[in-house]
Amino acid sequence: MRLLQLLMEVKEVLEDFAKTRGEGAKKIADTAREKGGLALLTWHHFKVKAPYYNAEKEFNDTYKKISINMSDIEFQREVGRLEVLGELIIRSKK
């Protein structure tokens, strides 16, 4: 029973961490974009990171992109991303 409680606490800490980091990455990206110029490199860096702190949203967005009209490479890229995100979500719920 204590182990289960400890695991739940760890999961909550990780979820809080991901939420805080995701919000921080978005804020940094938004600020860098507003500054423009050389700060746009920072914008690109943090724009890429932000969605991964919310794996479920990224999973759903990726799932919606998949279609029969994609090239083989596009399809494999999105399915690979979907697989990794799915594994992360499943493991986080254990």
N, C-alpha and C. Protein backbone atom coordinates (compact mmCIF):
# COMPACT_ATOMS: atom_id res chain seq x y z
N MET A 1 0.83 -1.20 0.00
CA MET A 1 0.00 0.00 0.00
C MET A 1 0.87 1.26 0.00
N ARG A 2 1.91 1.27 0.80
CA ARG A 2 2.81 2.44 0.86
C ARG A 2 3.51 2.65 -0.48
N LEU A 3 3.89 1.56 -1.15
CA LEU A 3 4.55 1.67 -2.45
C LEU A 3 3.62 2.31 -3.47
N LEU A 4 2.37 1.92 -3.49
CA LEU A 4 1.40 2.50 -4.40
C LEU A 4 1.24 4.00 -4.14
N GLN A 5 1.17 4.37 -2.89
CA GLN A 5 1.04 5.78 -2.53
C GLN A 5 2.28 6.55 -2.98
N LEU A 6 3.46 5.97 -2.78
CA LEU A 6 4.70 6.61 -3.20
C LEU A 6 4.74 6.79 -4.71
N LEU A 7 4.31 5.77 -5.46
CA LEU A 7 4.28 5.85 -6.92
C LEU A 7 3.32 6.94 -7.39
N MET A 8 2.19 7.06 -6.74
CA MET A 8 1.23 8.11 -7.09
C MET A 8 1.82 9.49 -6.83
N GLU A 9 2.55 9.62 -5.72
CA GLU A 9 3.18 10.91 -5.41
C GLU A 9 4.24 11.26 -6.46
N VAL A 10 5.02 10.27 -6.87
CA VAL A 10 6.04 10.49 -7.89
C VAL A 10 5.38 10.91 -9.20
N LYS A 11 4.29 10.25 -9.56
CA LYS A 11 3.58 10.60 -10.79
C LYS A 11 3.08 12.04 -10.73
N GLU A 12 2.54 12.45 -9.58
CA GLU A 12 2.07 13.83 -9.44
C GLU A 12 3.21 14.82 -9.57
N VAL A 13 4.36 14.49 -8.99
CA VAL A 13 5.53 15.37 -9.09
C VAL A 13 5.96 15.49 -10.54
N LEU A 14 5.99 14.38 -11.27
CA LEU A 14 6.37 14.41 -12.68
C LEU A 14 5.38 15.21 -13.52
N GLU A 15 4.09 15.05 -13.23
CA GLU A 15 3.07 15.81 -13.97
C GLU A 15 3.20 17.29 -13.69
N ASP A 16 3.46 17.65 -12.43
CA ASP A 16 3.67 19.06 -12.08
C ASP A 16 4.91 19.60 -12.77
N PHE A 17 5.98 18.80 -12.77
CA PHE A 17 7.22 19.19 -13.43
C PHE A 17 6.98 19.45 -14.91
N ALA A 18 6.30 18.50 -15.57
CA ALA A 18 6.03 18.64 -17.01
C ALA A 18 5.18 19.88 -17.29
N LYS A 19 4.19 20.12 -16.45
CA LYS A 19 3.33 21.29 -16.64
C LYS A 19 4.12 22.58 -16.49
N THR A 20 4.92 22.66 -15.43
CA THR A 20 5.71 23.86 -15.18
C THR A 20 6.73 24.09 -16.28
N ARG A 21 7.43 23.03 -16.69
CA ARG A 21 8.42 23.15 -17.76
C ARG A 21 7.77 23.53 -19.08
N GLY A 22 6.62 22.94 -19.35
CA GLY A 22 5.91 23.25 -20.59
C GLY A 22 5.48 24.71 -20.64
N GLU A 23 4.96 25.20 -19.53
CA GLU A 23 4.55 26.60 -19.46
C GLU A 23 5.77 27.52 -19.61
N GLY A 24 6.88 27.13 -18.98
CA GLY A 24 8.11 27.91 -19.08
C GLY A 24 8.65 27.96 -20.50
N ALA A 25 8.65 26.80 -21.16
CA ALA A 25 9.13 26.74 -22.55
C ALA A 25 8.27 27.60 -23.46
N LYS A 26 6.96 27.56 -23.25
CA LYS A 26 6.07 28.38 -24.07
C LYS A 26 6.32 29.87 -23.83
N LYS A 27 6.50 30.25 -22.57
CA LYS A 27 6.75 31.66 -22.25
C LYS A 27 8.05 32.14 -22.89
N ILE A 28 9.11 31.33 -22.78
CA ILE A 28 10.39 31.71 -23.37
C ILE A 28 10.25 31.83 -24.89
N ALA A 29 9.55 30.87 -25.51
CA ALA A 29 9.36 30.91 -26.96
C ALA A 29 8.60 32.17 -27.37
N ASP A 30 7.52 32.48 -26.66
CA ASP A 30 6.73 33.66 -26.99
C ASP A 30 7.54 34.95 -26.85
N THR A 31 8.32 35.05 -25.76
CA THR A 31 9.14 36.24 -25.54
C THR A 31 10.20 36.38 -26.63
N ALA A 32 10.85 35.28 -26.97
CA ALA A 32 11.89 35.31 -28.00
C ALA A 32 11.31 35.70 -29.36
N ARG A 33 10.13 35.22 -29.65
CA ARG A 33 9.50 35.54 -30.93
C ARG A 33 9.19 37.04 -31.01
N GLU A 34 8.71 37.59 -29.91
CA GLU A 34 8.41 39.02 -29.88
C GLU A 34 9.67 39.86 -30.09
N LYS A 35 10.80 39.41 -29.52
CA LYS A 35 12.05 40.15 -29.67
C LYS A 35 12.56 40.10 -31.10
N GLY A 36 12.37 38.96 -31.77
CA GLY A 36 12.83 38.82 -33.14
C GLY A 36 14.34 38.79 -33.25
N GLY A 37 14.85 39.02 -34.44
CA GLY A 37 16.29 39.03 -34.67
C GLY A 37 16.95 37.72 -34.27
N LEU A 38 18.09 37.82 -33.58
CA LEU A 38 18.82 36.64 -33.16
C LEU A 38 18.04 35.80 -32.13
N ALA A 39 17.11 36.43 -31.44
CA ALA A 39 16.30 35.70 -30.46
C ALA A 39 15.42 34.63 -31.13
N LEU A 40 15.25 34.74 -32.44
CA LEU A 40 14.43 33.75 -33.14
C LEU A 40 15.05 32.35 -33.08
N LEU A 41 16.36 32.26 -32.91
CA LEU A 41 16.99 30.95 -32.71
C LEU A 41 16.48 30.32 -31.41
N THR A 42 16.37 31.14 -30.39
CA THR A 42 15.81 30.66 -29.12
C THR A 42 14.36 30.28 -29.30
N TRP A 43 13.62 31.05 -30.05
CA TRP A 43 12.21 30.73 -30.32
C TRP A 43 12.09 29.35 -30.95
N HIS A 44 12.91 29.08 -31.97
CA HIS A 44 12.85 27.77 -32.63
C HIS A 44 13.17 26.66 -31.64
N HIS A 45 14.17 26.87 -30.81
CA HIS A 45 14.58 25.86 -29.84
C HIS A 45 13.45 25.52 -28.87
N PHE A 46 12.84 26.54 -28.28
CA PHE A 46 11.81 26.29 -27.28
C PHE A 46 10.45 25.97 -27.88
N LYS A 47 10.18 26.42 -29.08
CA LYS A 47 8.92 26.08 -29.75
C LYS A 47 8.84 24.57 -29.97
N VAL A 48 9.96 23.97 -30.30
CA VAL A 48 10.00 22.53 -30.51
C VAL A 48 9.79 21.78 -29.20
N LYS A 49 10.33 22.28 -28.12
CA LYS A 49 10.27 21.60 -26.83
C LYS A 49 8.89 21.64 -26.18
N ALA A 50 8.22 22.77 -26.29
CA ALA A 50 7.00 23.01 -25.53
C ALA A 50 5.95 21.90 -25.64
N PRO A 51 5.60 21.43 -26.84
CA PRO A 51 4.52 20.42 -26.91
C PRO A 51 4.85 19.10 -26.25
N TYR A 52 6.13 18.77 -26.14
CA TYR A 52 6.50 17.47 -25.59
C TYR A 52 6.30 17.37 -24.09
N TYR A 53 6.10 18.51 -23.45
CA TYR A 53 5.77 18.47 -22.03
C TYR A 53 4.31 18.11 -21.83
N ASN A 54 3.55 18.10 -22.90
CA ASN A 54 2.15 17.67 -22.86
C ASN A 54 1.99 16.56 -23.90
N ALA A 55 2.43 15.37 -23.53
CA ALA A 55 2.47 14.25 -24.47
C ALA A 55 1.09 13.89 -25.02
N GLU A 56 0.06 13.99 -24.20
CA GLU A 56 -1.28 13.62 -24.68
C GLU A 56 -1.76 14.56 -25.77
N LYS A 57 -1.52 15.85 -25.61
CA LYS A 57 -1.92 16.80 -26.65
C LYS A 57 -1.12 16.53 -27.93
N GLU A 58 0.17 16.33 -27.79
CA GLU A 58 1.02 16.06 -28.94
C GLU A 58 0.60 14.76 -29.64
N PHE A 59 0.22 13.74 -28.85
CA PHE A 59 -0.25 12.48 -29.41
C PHE A 59 -1.50 12.72 -30.26
N ASN A 60 -2.46 13.45 -29.70
CA ASN A 60 -3.71 13.71 -30.43
C ASN A 60 -3.48 14.55 -31.68
N ASP A 61 -2.60 15.55 -31.57
CA ASP A 61 -2.29 16.38 -32.74
C ASP A 61 -1.61 15.55 -33.83
N THR A 62 -0.69 14.67 -33.43
CA THR A 62 0.01 13.82 -34.39
C THR A 62 -0.96 12.84 -35.03
N TYR A 63 -1.83 12.26 -34.23
CA TYR A 63 -2.81 11.29 -34.72
C TYR A 63 -3.68 11.92 -35.82
N LYS A 64 -4.05 13.17 -35.64
CA LYS A 64 -4.90 13.86 -36.61
C LYS A 64 -4.18 14.14 -37.93
N LYS A 65 -2.86 14.20 -37.90
CA LYS A 65 -2.08 14.49 -39.10
C LYS A 65 -2.00 13.30 -40.06
N ILE A 66 -2.17 12.09 -39.55
CA ILE A 66 -1.98 10.90 -40.37
C ILE A 66 -3.11 10.75 -41.38
N SER A 67 -2.74 10.55 -42.65
CA SER A 67 -3.75 10.37 -43.68
C SER A 67 -3.20 9.47 -44.80
N ILE A 68 -4.08 8.99 -45.65
CA ILE A 68 -3.66 8.14 -46.76
C ILE A 68 -3.02 8.97 -47.87
N ASN A 69 -3.08 10.27 -47.77
CA ASN A 69 -2.49 11.15 -48.78
C ASN A 69 -1.03 11.52 -48.49
N MET A 70 -0.46 10.96 -47.44
CA MET A 70 0.92 11.27 -47.06
C MET A 70 1.90 10.48 -47.91
N SER A 71 3.12 11.00 -48.01
CA SER A 71 4.18 10.21 -48.64
C SER A 71 4.62 9.13 -47.65
N ASP A 72 5.37 8.16 -48.14
CA ASP A 72 5.86 7.10 -47.27
C ASP A 72 6.69 7.67 -46.12
N ILE A 73 7.54 8.64 -46.43
CA ILE A 73 8.41 9.24 -45.42
C ILE A 73 7.59 10.01 -44.39
N GLU A 74 6.64 10.81 -44.84
CA GLU A 74 5.79 11.56 -43.92
C GLU A 74 5.03 10.61 -42.99
N PHE A 75 4.49 9.54 -43.59
CA PHE A 75 3.74 8.56 -42.80
C PHE A 75 4.62 7.92 -41.73
N GLN A 76 5.81 7.47 -42.11
CA GLN A 76 6.70 6.82 -41.16
C GLN A 76 7.13 7.79 -40.05
N ARG A 77 7.38 9.03 -40.39
CA ARG A 77 7.78 10.04 -39.41
C ARG A 77 6.67 10.23 -38.37
N GLU A 78 5.44 10.40 -38.83
CA GLU A 78 4.34 10.65 -37.90
C GLU A 78 3.99 9.41 -37.08
N VAL A 79 4.03 8.24 -37.70
CA VAL A 79 3.73 7.00 -36.97
C VAL A 79 4.82 6.75 -35.92
N GLY A 80 6.08 7.03 -36.25
CA GLY A 80 7.16 6.90 -35.28
C GLY A 80 6.95 7.82 -34.09
N ARG A 81 6.58 9.06 -34.37
CA ARG A 81 6.31 10.03 -33.31
C ARG A 81 5.13 9.55 -32.46
N LEU A 82 4.10 9.07 -33.11
CA LEU A 82 2.92 8.56 -32.42
C LEU A 82 3.28 7.41 -31.49
N GLU A 83 4.13 6.51 -31.98
CA GLU A 83 4.55 5.35 -31.18
C GLU A 83 5.28 5.78 -29.91
N VAL A 84 6.24 6.69 -30.03
CA VAL A 84 7.01 7.13 -28.88
C VAL A 84 6.11 7.85 -27.88
N LEU A 85 5.26 8.75 -28.37
CA LEU A 85 4.36 9.47 -27.48
C LEU A 85 3.40 8.51 -26.78
N GLY A 86 2.89 7.53 -27.51
CA GLY A 86 2.00 6.54 -26.91
C GLY A 86 2.68 5.76 -25.81
N GLU A 87 3.94 5.36 -26.05
CA GLU A 87 4.69 4.64 -25.02
C GLU A 87 4.88 5.51 -23.78
N LEU A 88 5.22 6.78 -23.97
CA LEU A 88 5.40 7.68 -22.83
C LEU A 88 4.11 7.83 -22.04
N ILE A 89 3.00 8.00 -22.74
CA ILE A 89 1.72 8.17 -22.05
C ILE A 89 1.34 6.91 -21.28
N ILE A 90 1.48 5.76 -21.92
CA ILE A 90 1.14 4.49 -21.26
C ILE A 90 1.99 4.28 -20.03
N ARG A 91 3.29 4.51 -20.14
CA ARG A 91 4.18 4.31 -18.99
C ARG A 91 3.88 5.30 -17.87
N SER A 92 3.49 6.51 -18.22
CA SER A 92 3.20 7.50 -17.18
C SER A 92 1.93 7.18 -16.40
N LYS A 93 1.07 6.35 -16.97
CA LYS A 93 -0.20 6.02 -16.32
C LYS A 93 -0.11 4.76 -15.46
N LYS A 94 1.04 4.10 -15.48
CA LYS A 94 1.21 2.86 -14.68
C LYS A 94 1.45 3.17 -13.25
